[in-house]
Protein backbone atom coordinates (compact mmCIF):
# COMPACT_ATOMS: atom_id res chain seq x y z
CA MET A 1 86.29 103.45 98.08
CA SER A 2 86.20 100.65 100.94
CA PRO A 3 88.15 100.43 103.67
CA GLU A 4 90.90 97.79 103.52
CA PRO A 5 89.80 94.52 105.56
CA GLY A 6 91.81 93.34 108.68
CA SER A 7 93.67 96.64 108.58
CA LEU A 8 97.04 96.36 110.60
CA ASN A 9 98.51 100.19 111.77
CA PRO A 10 99.49 102.20 114.83
CA GLN A 11 96.10 103.72 115.31
CA GLN A 12 94.64 100.04 115.37
CA ARG A 13 97.66 98.67 117.60
CA ARG A 14 96.67 101.27 120.35
CA ARG A 15 92.96 100.48 120.05
CA ASP A 16 93.91 96.87 120.22
CA LEU A 17 96.43 97.07 123.12
CA GLU A 18 93.68 98.78 125.27
CA ARG A 19 90.73 96.05 124.02
CA MET A 20 92.79 93.65 125.25
CA SER A 21 93.34 95.23 128.08
CA GLU A 22 89.62 95.32 129.23
CA GLY A 23 88.05 92.64 130.19
CA GLU A 24 89.07 89.10 129.97
CA LEU A 25 89.55 87.09 126.76
CA ASP A 26 88.70 83.38 126.00
CA VAL A 27 92.24 83.22 124.23
CA LEU A 28 95.56 85.30 124.87
CA VAL A 29 98.54 84.43 121.71
CA ILE A 30 101.81 85.28 122.36
CA GLY A 31 104.08 85.23 119.42
CA GLY A 32 103.32 86.72 115.93
CA GLY A 33 105.06 83.88 113.63
CA VAL A 34 102.79 81.82 111.05
CA THR A 35 101.48 79.55 113.93
CA GLY A 36 100.56 82.15 116.12
CA VAL A 37 98.67 84.21 113.66
CA GLY A 38 97.17 80.68 112.77
CA CYS A 39 96.54 80.18 115.92
CA ALA A 40 94.59 83.89 116.09
CA LEU A 41 92.68 83.32 112.96
CA ASP A 42 91.49 79.66 113.96
CA ALA A 43 90.23 80.64 117.71
CA ALA A 44 88.57 83.67 115.89
CA THR A 45 86.97 82.06 113.75
CA ARG A 46 85.47 80.05 116.13
CA GLY A 47 83.82 82.99 117.64
CA LEU A 48 86.17 83.17 120.72
CA SER A 49 87.59 86.67 121.62
CA VAL A 50 90.88 86.92 121.17
CA GLY A 51 94.55 88.53 121.38
CA LEU A 52 98.01 88.38 119.96
CA VAL A 53 100.83 90.31 121.24
CA GLU A 54 104.42 89.72 119.34
CA GLN A 55 107.20 91.28 121.20
CA ARG A 56 109.18 92.30 117.08
CA ASP A 57 107.27 91.99 114.32
CA LEU A 58 104.94 89.48 112.38
CA ALA A 59 107.14 86.88 111.38
CA SER A 60 109.88 88.48 112.27
CA GLY A 61 111.46 85.51 113.23
CA THR A 62 111.68 81.97 111.53
CA SER A 63 108.58 82.77 109.54
CA SER A 64 110.38 85.37 107.18
CA ARG A 65 113.38 82.99 106.46
CA SER A 66 112.54 79.57 105.00
CA SER A 67 113.11 78.11 101.84
CA LYS A 68 109.93 79.89 100.86
CA LEU A 69 108.26 76.56 100.07
CA MET A 70 104.78 74.94 100.82
CA HIS A 71 106.01 71.13 100.27
CA GLY A 72 105.09 68.26 101.64
CA GLY A 73 108.84 67.25 101.84
CA LEU A 74 109.88 64.49 100.08
CA ARG A 75 113.43 63.74 102.05
CA TYR A 76 111.01 62.96 104.86
CA LEU A 77 109.50 60.11 102.92
CA GLU A 78 113.09 58.34 103.07
CA GLN A 79 112.46 58.53 107.07
CA MET A 80 109.03 57.12 106.50
CA ASP A 81 107.53 60.09 108.03
CA PHE A 82 104.24 59.02 105.64
CA ALA A 83 101.83 61.00 108.09
CA LEU A 84 104.10 64.04 108.06
CA VAL A 85 104.25 64.27 103.99
CA HIS A 86 100.54 63.12 103.52
CA GLU A 87 99.21 66.45 105.85
CA ALA A 88 102.04 68.16 104.40
CA LEU A 89 100.62 67.78 101.02
CA GLN A 90 96.90 67.83 101.52
CA GLU A 91 97.74 71.64 102.95
CA ARG A 92 99.80 72.62 99.90
CA GLY A 93 96.76 71.80 97.87
CA LEU A 94 94.80 73.74 100.27
CA HIS A 95 96.58 77.13 99.66
CA THR A 96 96.91 76.56 96.12
CA THR A 97 93.45 76.51 95.61
CA SER A 98 90.95 78.75 97.78
CA ILE A 99 93.33 80.14 101.10
CA ALA A 100 96.26 82.02 99.38
CA PRO A 101 96.18 81.03 95.53
CA HIS A 102 97.83 84.32 95.50
CA LEU A 103 100.65 83.61 97.26
CA VAL A 104 101.05 80.03 97.08
CA ARG A 105 101.88 78.62 93.68
CA PRO A 106 103.40 75.60 91.78
CA ILE A 107 106.83 75.61 91.10
CA SER A 108 108.95 72.76 89.40
CA PHE A 109 111.76 70.88 90.76
CA LEU A 110 114.42 68.72 88.34
CA ILE A 111 116.32 65.97 90.28
CA PRO A 112 119.40 64.73 88.77
CA LEU A 113 120.72 61.67 88.14
CA ARG A 114 124.05 61.04 88.08
CA GLY A 115 125.85 57.36 86.72
CA ARG A 116 123.91 54.51 89.08
CA ILE A 117 121.29 52.94 87.38
CA TRP A 118 119.40 52.58 90.73
CA GLN A 119 118.54 56.17 91.63
CA ARG A 120 115.76 56.70 88.84
CA ALA A 121 114.37 53.80 90.58
CA TYR A 122 114.36 55.22 94.19
CA TYR A 123 113.80 58.37 93.03
CA GLY A 124 111.17 57.50 91.16
CA ALA A 125 109.07 55.37 93.43
CA GLY A 126 109.65 58.51 95.93
CA VAL A 127 107.89 60.77 93.78
CA LEU A 128 104.92 58.64 92.30
CA LEU A 129 103.95 58.05 95.78
CA TYR A 130 104.53 61.77 96.56
CA ASP A 131 101.99 62.36 93.61
CA LEU A 132 99.66 59.68 94.79
CA MET A 133 99.86 61.54 98.56
CA ALA A 134 99.08 64.55 96.73
CA PHE A 135 96.08 63.48 94.70
CA ALA A 136 93.34 63.27 97.16
CA ARG A 137 92.92 66.74 97.49
CA GLY A 138 93.71 70.15 96.09
CA LYS A 139 94.93 71.89 92.76
CA LYS A 140 96.15 69.16 90.27
CA PHE A 141 99.61 69.48 90.06
CA PRO A 142 101.30 68.40 86.89
CA ARG A 143 102.46 64.41 87.75
CA HIS A 144 106.12 63.97 87.80
CA ARG A 145 107.98 62.98 84.23
CA HIS A 146 111.09 60.91 84.01
CA LEU A 147 113.43 63.11 81.52
CA SER A 148 116.17 61.88 79.48
CA ARG A 149 119.96 63.33 79.87
CA LYS A 150 119.32 65.52 76.69
CA LYS A 151 115.77 66.91 78.20
CA ALA A 152 117.13 67.34 81.23
CA LEU A 153 120.08 69.61 80.11
CA GLU A 154 117.93 71.15 78.02
CA LEU A 155 115.52 72.42 80.95
CA VAL A 156 118.55 72.95 83.14
CA PRO A 157 121.82 73.99 80.76
CA GLY A 158 123.66 75.40 84.00
CA LEU A 159 124.12 71.36 85.37
CA GLN A 160 127.30 69.91 85.00
CA ARG A 161 127.30 67.24 82.10
CA SER A 162 129.95 64.77 83.51
CA SER A 163 128.15 61.88 84.52
CA LEU A 164 124.65 63.07 84.60
CA ILE A 165 122.35 60.24 82.77
CA GLY A 166 119.05 62.24 83.05
CA GLY A 167 116.23 63.57 85.99
CA ILE A 168 113.08 62.97 87.35
CA LEU A 169 111.07 66.45 87.28
CA TYR A 170 108.31 67.13 89.84
CA TYR A 171 106.19 69.60 91.40
CA ASP A 172 105.36 71.68 94.46
CA ALA A 173 104.75 74.97 95.00
CA GLN A 174 106.53 78.03 96.78
CA ILE A 175 105.35 80.80 98.97
CA ASP A 176 106.30 84.27 100.13
CA ASP A 177 106.73 83.08 103.58
CA ALA A 178 106.59 86.77 105.51
CA ARG A 179 103.93 88.24 103.51
CA HIS A 180 101.50 85.18 103.87
CA THR A 181 102.36 85.11 107.51
CA VAL A 182 101.01 88.91 107.85
CA ALA A 183 97.92 88.13 105.25
CA VAL A 184 97.10 85.11 107.96
CA GLY A 185 97.75 87.82 110.51
CA ARG A 186 95.39 90.37 108.75
CA THR A 187 93.06 87.82 108.13
CA ALA A 188 93.02 86.67 111.86
CA ALA A 189 92.40 90.61 112.68
CA HIS A 190 89.46 90.84 109.98
CA HIS A 191 87.57 88.17 111.75
CA GLY A 192 87.54 89.96 115.31
CA ALA A 193 91.25 88.76 116.37
CA ALA A 194 92.96 92.05 118.94
CA ILE A 195 96.95 92.30 117.39
CA ALA A 196 99.68 93.97 119.05
CA THR A 197 103.19 93.91 117.58
CA SER A 198 106.02 95.56 119.39
CA THR A 199 104.61 94.09 122.39
CA ARG A 200 106.84 91.70 124.98
CA VAL A 201 105.68 89.77 127.88
CA GLU A 202 107.31 90.52 130.50
CA SER A 203 105.41 87.59 132.93
CA LEU A 204 102.72 85.59 133.77
CA LEU A 205 100.52 86.19 136.94
CA LYS A 206 98.69 82.55 138.37
CA ASP A 207 95.54 82.50 140.26
CA GLY A 208 96.32 79.81 142.68
CA ASN A 209 98.04 77.00 139.98
CA ARG A 210 96.62 78.81 137.09
CA VAL A 211 97.65 81.51 134.49
CA VAL A 212 95.29 83.97 134.22
CA SER A 213 96.94 86.99 132.86
CA ALA A 214 100.43 88.57 131.21
CA VAL A 215 102.08 91.18 131.63
CA VAL A 216 103.20 92.93 128.39
CA ARG A 217 105.15 96.14 127.37
CA ASP A 218 104.44 98.25 124.48
CA ILE A 219 107.90 99.00 123.42
CA GLU A 220 106.70 101.58 121.50
CA ALA A 221 105.19 103.85 124.11
CA ASP A 222 106.83 102.10 127.26
CA GLU A 223 103.53 101.33 128.96
CA THR A 224 102.59 98.43 130.51
CA TYR A 225 99.82 96.58 130.48
CA GLU A 226 97.70 93.40 132.00
CA ILE A 227 96.03 91.10 129.87
CA ARG A 228 93.58 88.35 131.77
CA ALA A 229 93.02 85.33 129.37
CA LYS A 230 91.43 82.26 130.25
CA ARG A 231 93.61 80.53 128.57
CA ILE A 232 96.98 81.46 127.15
CA ILE A 233 99.08 79.95 124.06
CA ASN A 234 102.49 79.82 123.75
CA ALA A 235 103.42 80.21 120.41
CA THR A 236 107.03 81.85 120.43
CA GLY A 237 109.23 78.99 118.24
CA VAL A 238 112.73 79.24 119.86
CA TRP A 239 111.47 80.98 122.54
CA ILE A 240 109.07 78.66 124.07
CA ASP A 241 110.57 77.62 126.64
CA ASP A 242 111.31 81.27 128.06
CA ILE A 243 107.70 82.03 128.30
CA GLN A 244 106.77 78.46 129.96
CA ASP A 245 109.76 79.41 132.19
CA MET A 246 107.42 82.37 133.33
CA ALA A 247 105.09 80.06 134.72
CA GLY A 248 107.22 76.99 135.91
CA PRO A 249 110.05 74.79 134.82
CA ALA A 250 107.96 71.95 133.32
CA GLY A 251 106.52 71.91 129.48
CA LEU A 252 108.07 71.37 125.83
CA ARG A 253 111.54 72.16 125.02
CA VAL A 254 112.84 73.15 121.80
CA HIS A 255 116.28 72.87 120.34
CA ALA A 256 117.03 76.02 117.49
CA ALA A 257 118.57 74.88 114.50
CA LYS A 258 120.12 77.18 112.21
CA GLY A 259 119.53 77.65 108.35
CA VAL A 260 120.93 79.60 106.33
CA HIS A 261 120.22 80.28 102.31
CA ILE A 262 122.35 82.54 100.07
CA VAL A 263 120.78 84.66 97.20
CA VAL A 264 122.17 85.19 93.81
CA PRO A 265 121.04 86.31 90.39
CA ARG A 266 119.22 84.25 87.79
CA ASP A 267 121.60 84.94 85.19
CA ARG A 268 124.35 82.87 87.23
CA ILE A 269 122.74 80.09 86.76
CA GLU A 270 121.10 78.90 83.41
CA GLY A 271 117.96 77.03 83.60
CA ASP A 272 113.97 77.03 84.14
CA SER A 273 113.25 74.69 87.19
CA GLY A 274 114.61 74.80 90.58
CA VAL A 275 116.74 71.73 91.21
CA VAL A 276 117.13 69.54 94.25
CA LEU A 277 120.75 67.85 95.06
CA ARG A 278 121.70 65.30 97.30
CA THR A 279 124.29 66.25 100.12
CA PRO A 280 125.82 64.32 102.77
CA SER A 281 123.70 64.85 104.94
CA SER A 282 120.44 66.07 103.79
CA VAL A 283 119.39 68.25 100.19
CA LEU A 284 119.99 70.92 98.64
CA PHE A 285 117.40 73.23 96.99
CA ILE A 286 118.10 76.09 94.29
CA ILE A 287 115.31 77.31 94.16
CA PRO A 288 113.60 80.08 91.34
CA TRP A 289 112.78 83.31 93.25
CA GLY A 290 111.70 85.93 90.55
CA ASP A 291 115.05 87.79 89.20
CA TYR A 292 117.21 85.88 91.64
CA TRP A 293 117.60 82.09 92.76
CA LEU A 294 117.91 80.85 96.15
CA LEU A 295 119.83 78.02 97.59
CA GLY A 296 119.55 76.44 100.84
CA THR A 297 119.44 75.09 103.37
CA THR A 298 122.20 74.45 106.32
CA ASP A 299 121.32 72.74 109.29
CA THR A 300 123.14 72.87 112.24
CA THR A 301 122.76 73.46 116.17
CA TRP A 302 122.43 77.18 117.14
CA ASP A 303 122.81 78.09 120.94
CA LEU A 304 123.63 82.01 120.38
CA ASP A 305 121.76 85.10 119.73
CA ARG A 306 117.83 83.69 119.15
CA ALA A 307 116.55 86.81 117.56
CA HIS A 308 119.41 87.87 114.97
CA PRO A 309 120.78 83.95 113.49
CA ALA A 310 124.13 85.03 111.82
CA ALA A 311 125.30 83.27 108.79
CA SER A 312 129.37 82.88 109.05
CA SER A 313 131.38 82.67 106.34
CA LYS A 314 131.59 78.71 107.08
CA ASP A 315 127.54 78.14 106.41
CA ILE A 316 128.44 80.26 102.92
CA ASP A 317 131.23 78.35 101.59
CA TYR A 318 129.41 75.18 102.31
CA LEU A 319 126.55 76.29 100.33
CA LEU A 320 128.60 77.62 97.14
CA GLU A 321 130.81 74.04 97.34
CA GLN A 322 127.77 71.57 97.42
CA ALA A 323 126.03 73.96 94.55
CA ASN A 324 129.46 73.59 92.08
CA ALA A 325 129.35 70.28 93.06
CA ALA A 326 126.42 69.95 90.47
CA LEU A 327 126.98 73.16 88.45
CA GLN A 328 128.68 73.60 84.91
CA THR A 329 130.18 77.06 86.03
CA PRO A 330 131.21 77.42 89.72
CA LEU A 331 129.51 80.53 91.68
CA THR A 332 131.65 82.14 93.67
CA ARG A 333 131.27 84.92 96.60
CA THR A 334 131.16 87.61 94.77
CA ASP A 335 128.09 86.34 93.43
CA VAL A 336 125.67 86.25 96.59
CA VAL A 337 123.34 89.29 96.81
CA GLY A 338 122.27 88.17 99.86
CA VAL A 339 122.43 86.06 102.73
CA TYR A 340 119.79 85.01 105.53
CA ALA A 341 119.85 82.63 108.38
CA GLY A 342 116.59 81.27 110.56
CA LEU A 343 115.87 78.99 113.65
CA ARG A 344 113.57 76.03 113.15
CA PRO A 345 112.39 75.16 116.99
CA LEU A 346 112.33 71.51 116.68
CA ILE A 347 111.70 69.02 119.53
CA ALA A 348 114.25 68.59 121.34
CA GLY A 349 115.74 65.21 120.57
CA GLU A 350 118.68 63.15 121.75
CA GLY A 351 122.45 64.60 120.69
CA ASP A 352 123.12 67.20 118.08
CA ASP A 353 122.72 66.11 114.23
CA THR A 354 119.41 68.63 113.87
CA THR A 355 118.72 66.84 110.89
CA GLN A 356 117.77 63.70 112.69
CA PHE A 357 115.08 65.65 114.70
CA SER A 358 111.51 65.25 114.02
CA ARG A 359 109.11 67.77 112.28
CA GLU A 360 106.15 66.82 113.82
CA HIS A 361 104.31 69.18 116.39
CA ALA A 362 104.04 68.47 119.64
CA VAL A 363 101.09 70.51 122.33
CA ALA A 364 101.61 70.31 125.61
CA GLN A 365 100.06 72.31 128.81
CA PRO A 366 102.75 72.75 130.80
CA THR A 367 100.60 74.39 133.47
CA ASN A 368 96.55 75.25 133.72
CA GLY A 369 95.85 77.96 131.35
CA LEU A 370 99.10 77.44 129.40
CA ILE A 371 98.92 75.69 125.61
CA SER A 372 102.21 75.56 123.87
CA ILE A 373 102.58 74.34 120.55
CA ALA A 374 105.94 73.83 118.88
CA GLY A 375 108.01 71.82 116.56
CA GLY A 376 106.49 71.37 113.12
CA LYS A 377 106.84 72.62 109.48
CA TYR A 378 106.00 75.81 108.09
CA THR A 379 103.65 74.50 105.73
CA THR A 380 101.30 72.46 108.44
CA TYR A 381 100.84 75.58 110.48
CA ARG A 382 97.28 75.31 110.09
CA VAL A 383 96.60 72.01 111.44
CA MET A 384 99.28 73.20 114.22
CA ALA A 385 96.77 75.99 114.67
CA ALA A 386 94.13 74.17 114.96
CA ASP A 387 95.78 71.17 117.61
CA ALA A 388 96.68 74.17 119.66
CA VAL A 389 92.96 76.05 119.93
CA ASP A 390 91.73 72.18 120.56
CA ALA A 391 93.91 71.83 123.49
CA ALA A 392 92.85 75.49 124.90
CA VAL A 393 89.06 74.95 124.56
CA ALA A 394 89.14 71.66 125.21
CA ASP A 395 87.83 72.19 128.99
CA LEU A 396 86.56 75.94 128.18
CA ASP A 397 83.26 77.05 130.46
CA ARG A 398 81.01 76.61 127.13
CA PRO A 399 80.94 74.94 124.00
CA VAL A 400 83.36 75.81 121.20
CA ALA A 401 82.94 74.80 117.92
CA ALA A 402 85.54 72.52 115.40
CA SER A 403 88.25 74.73 113.27
CA ASN A 404 86.80 75.75 109.97
CA THR A 405 89.83 77.34 108.78
CA ASP A 406 90.29 74.96 105.95
CA GLU A 407 87.14 77.17 104.62
CA VAL A 408 88.74 80.35 105.03
CA PRO A 409 90.19 82.34 102.30
CA LEU A 410 93.10 84.91 103.24
CA ILE A 411 93.35 88.32 102.80
CA GLY A 412 94.04 88.93 99.17
CA ALA A 413 92.72 85.45 98.37
CA ASN A 414 88.77 86.86 98.20
CA ALA A 415 87.54 86.37 94.79
CA TRP A 416 90.62 85.25 93.45
CA SER A 417 90.28 83.55 90.38
CA ASP A 418 91.84 83.04 86.95
CA THR A 419 90.40 86.55 86.04
CA TRP A 420 93.24 88.11 88.68
CA GLU A 421 95.57 85.80 87.47
CA ARG A 422 95.38 87.45 84.11
CA ALA A 423 94.86 91.33 84.89
CA ALA A 424 98.36 92.00 84.45
CA PRO A 425 97.56 93.74 80.73
CA ARG A 426 94.55 95.42 81.63
CA LEU A 427 96.03 96.73 84.86
CA ALA A 428 99.32 97.59 83.29
CA ARG A 429 97.66 99.89 80.74
CA GLU A 430 95.31 101.20 83.19
CA HIS A 431 97.74 102.38 85.49
CA ASP A 432 100.43 103.22 83.19
CA LEU A 433 102.99 100.39 84.88
CA PRO A 434 105.00 98.33 83.49
CA GLU A 435 103.43 94.75 82.62
CA HIS A 436 106.05 92.30 84.61
CA LEU A 437 105.75 95.04 87.77
CA VAL A 438 102.14 94.61 87.94
CA GLU A 439 102.36 90.96 87.87
CA ARG A 440 104.48 90.79 91.10
CA LEU A 441 102.24 92.98 92.57
CA LEU A 442 99.37 90.26 91.79
CA TRP A 443 101.48 87.82 93.68
CA ARG A 444 101.76 89.75 96.42
CA HIS A 445 98.80 91.43 96.97
CA GLY A 446 96.27 89.35 95.21
CA SER A 447 92.57 90.90 94.99
CA ARG A 448 93.95 93.92 96.88
CA ILE A 449 95.47 95.04 94.73
CA PRO A 450 93.25 97.78 93.72
CA ALA A 451 93.86 99.65 97.18
CA VAL A 452 98.00 99.87 96.40
CA LEU A 453 97.10 101.00 92.55
CA ASN A 454 95.04 103.73 94.15
CA ILE A 455 97.66 104.95 96.32
CA ALA A 456 99.98 105.27 93.50
CA ASP A 457 97.35 107.23 91.32
CA ASP A 458 96.01 109.27 93.71
CA GLU A 459 99.01 110.48 95.79
CA SER A 460 102.01 112.95 94.77
CA GLY A 461 105.25 110.42 93.97
CA HIS A 462 103.93 107.16 95.51
CA ASP A 463 103.93 105.53 91.84
CA GLU A 464 107.44 105.61 91.71
CA ILE A 465 109.52 102.25 91.24
CA LEU A 466 112.11 101.81 94.05
CA PRO A 467 115.49 100.64 92.40
CA GLY A 468 116.75 97.68 93.06
CA GLY A 469 114.19 95.15 93.92
CA GLY A 470 110.75 95.89 91.61
CA TYR A 471 108.78 97.96 94.07
CA LEU A 472 106.59 100.52 94.03
CA ALA A 473 106.34 103.05 96.46
CA ALA A 474 102.81 102.77 97.13
CA GLU A 475 103.68 99.65 98.47
CA ALA A 476 105.69 101.43 101.58
CA ILE A 477 102.39 103.20 102.44
CA TYR A 478 100.44 100.08 102.04
CA ALA A 479 102.61 98.31 104.39
CA VAL A 480 102.11 101.09 106.99
CA ARG A 481 98.75 101.45 106.58
CA HIS A 482 97.56 97.68 106.46
CA GLU A 483 100.02 95.68 106.99
CA GLY A 484 100.92 96.44 110.27
CA ALA A 485 104.64 97.85 109.49
CA LEU A 486 105.91 100.28 112.45
CA HIS A 487 109.92 100.44 111.26
CA LEU A 488 112.03 101.02 108.69
CA GLU A 489 113.17 97.08 109.00
CA ASP A 490 109.10 95.87 108.81
CA VAL A 491 109.27 97.68 105.32
CA LEU A 492 112.43 96.42 103.77
CA ALA A 493 112.67 93.38 105.22
CA ARG A 494 109.44 91.47 105.62
CA ARG A 495 106.60 93.57 103.41
CA MET A 496 109.20 93.89 100.48
CA ARG A 497 112.37 91.64 100.55
CA ILE A 498 114.59 94.37 99.33
CA SER A 499 116.94 93.12 102.30
CA ILE A 500 118.35 89.93 100.52
CA GLU A 501 117.45 91.46 96.51
CA THR A 502 120.05 93.73 96.34
CA VAL A 503 123.69 93.96 96.43
CA ASP A 504 123.61 96.92 99.20
CA ARG A 505 121.07 94.90 100.92
CA GLY A 506 118.56 98.33 101.10
CA THR A 507 121.12 100.46 101.98
CA GLU A 508 120.11 102.64 98.79
CA ILE A 509 116.65 103.19 99.25
CA ALA A 510 116.56 103.02 103.08
CA GLU A 511 116.60 106.86 103.26
CA ARG A 512 113.64 107.45 100.67
CA VAL A 513 111.15 104.36 102.28
CA ALA A 514 111.84 105.93 105.13
CA ALA A 515 110.76 109.27 103.89
CA LEU A 516 108.01 108.14 102.49
CA ILE A 517 106.61 106.13 105.41
CA ALA A 518 107.60 109.13 107.94
CA PRO A 519 104.07 111.15 107.46
CA GLU A 520 102.07 108.05 108.19
CA LEU A 521 103.79 107.25 111.26
CA GLY A 522 104.29 110.60 113.03
CA TRP A 523 108.22 110.58 112.58
CA SER A 524 110.45 113.67 113.28
CA ALA A 525 113.48 114.53 110.90
CA ASP A 526 115.54 112.60 113.73
CA ASP A 527 113.32 109.75 113.72
CA ILE A 528 114.12 109.31 109.79
CA VAL A 529 117.62 109.77 110.62
CA ASP A 530 117.70 107.03 113.52
CA GLU A 531 115.33 104.63 111.52
CA VAL A 532 118.20 105.18 108.47
CA GLN A 533 120.96 104.65 111.04
CA ALA A 534 119.64 101.44 112.60
CA TRP A 535 118.97 99.81 109.40
CA ASN A 536 122.36 100.54 108.02
CA ASP A 537 124.13 99.38 110.87
CA ARG A 538 121.87 96.17 110.80
CA VAL A 539 123.43 95.42 106.89
CA ASP A 540 127.04 96.38 108.00
CA ALA A 541 126.93 93.67 111.09
CA GLU A 542 125.36 90.83 109.20
CA LEU A 543 128.14 91.93 106.20
CA LEU A 544 130.68 91.13 109.08
CA ALA A 545 129.50 88.10 110.55
CA ASN A 546 129.03 86.93 107.17
CA GLU A 547 132.62 87.26 106.57
CA ALA A 548 132.87 85.45 110.61
CA VAL A 549 134.68 82.03 110.55
CA ASP A 550 132.60 80.18 113.07
CA ASP A 551 129.00 80.69 114.55
CA ARG A 552 130.31 82.37 117.60
CA THR A 553 132.47 85.18 115.97
CA ALA A 554 128.88 85.71 113.57
CA ASP A 555 127.37 86.00 116.07
CA THR A 556 129.42 88.81 118.03
CA GLU A 557 129.45 90.50 114.86
CA ARG A 558 125.88 90.62 114.56
CA ARG A 559 125.16 91.50 118.22
CA LYS A 560 127.08 95.14 117.39
CA ALA A 561 123.98 96.26 115.68
CA ILE A 562 121.12 97.57 117.86
CA ASP A 563 117.60 96.37 117.19
CA GLY A 564 115.33 99.01 116.36
CA ARG A 565 113.23 98.71 118.66
CA GLY A 566 115.54 98.47 121.38
CA LEU A 567 115.28 94.44 122.25
CA VAL A 568 118.68 93.39 123.19
CA GLU A 569 117.23 89.77 124.59
CA ALA A 570 118.93 86.98 122.90
């Protein structure tokens, strides 16, 4: 059996830390969110020597807590931000056809029209422009359609009937954000990038007025390294100010905007399409997500713990209230099985209304040798990364090729085709697994599914279907061997999505998963107990935060759980 491409694991991590500390890199990237791993991939595919360090896990921040859409953003058309929408739609097309077709797929949305005749013309013009801007490149998504009241209710019977006059159906794309970010990171590693998670930047060192190296701490081994690099890219999202301040006071400034989503079972809203609802300040998405619906998002200022933003009772009630205004059968707090909050690193603007802050990205060089990238949307991460690397190599000591990541498929997309998309029945028979489970495996792992199924077939107990979320035990093993998971949280919250897909938020299977991955990570019995306790403490703290009346109280409750990596920084 051929080795897995771009494998991330404890042994690779140790080798890469040592490799980064020897000699001088062309580019060191700080930050393991989608922008950071995108920068690492972009630089590596240009032939540069590249390293990346991340203080926690890949996608542990904003990049695992989005609306899980790869979209242009209809509401940005209202703000006349045509360039941003066009750019995002081009990226959506690339990802659904060649870059990551196993992780990004079309999804339909219904815009309900209520009572006002002008709405059909207004929204119809918007989605027509949306379709026209997307037409130039990528998989031909179905064109939008105008629906009568009857057809709209046939599509989403769960909508409130009163004042509904019809709807407009349009198409966007859905993505598993955390798995996509990990796939970008693995692809960067496959192309030569050195990657080390659980590695915190302690300081930046200068030679004269130029930043020349970063002092980093390996949190797992409590060891310190100095990594020299010709250029350092700061892609740390809401921590961008902290890294810049290590080199001097100038640079980009970001504003953290909290976005909260709730998760409810699929049977609580009758419908076969996502729904977009107008709210007083923005829009609310009701998004199909396997056996669940995601409802979000909020958009409020957050100036508390950036590592663990907390959703308060006020946030949850707001989302329920906005959704219930359009639903035939109201949702209640007891319907909510999952809650998550993320922070958007927006370029700081005037005032406090985050809904009005620009979603454009910006690249700056606050001091020689240091490039900062901030703002933007998940969808446009690849363009952001290319811009950041362009800035980093602008005055490098040799010519550097242009970005080519628009032609680089991610791990799992290689050889993906309609053949793989239709492979579920055959693989289910061959491996004696339910077809629906294999379909989900295909959409999570793409063309790497044979490696996961080989673990299930060849190793005792690893063909077990874990309770609650429709995941194989083999996926936990694969996450540690090849996807960079170092802790129980990495598996339950990001390689799988059990933390938001079960009422118990993963506590029921935490001990089982910890026992599965313990031999891979060299854990003792005490280590297993500690990891499970850390997970249970996290869940308890989040549940208490979700009952808090305001952000500050929610933050206080969430901070009671100690991070499994020992990070206590806000």
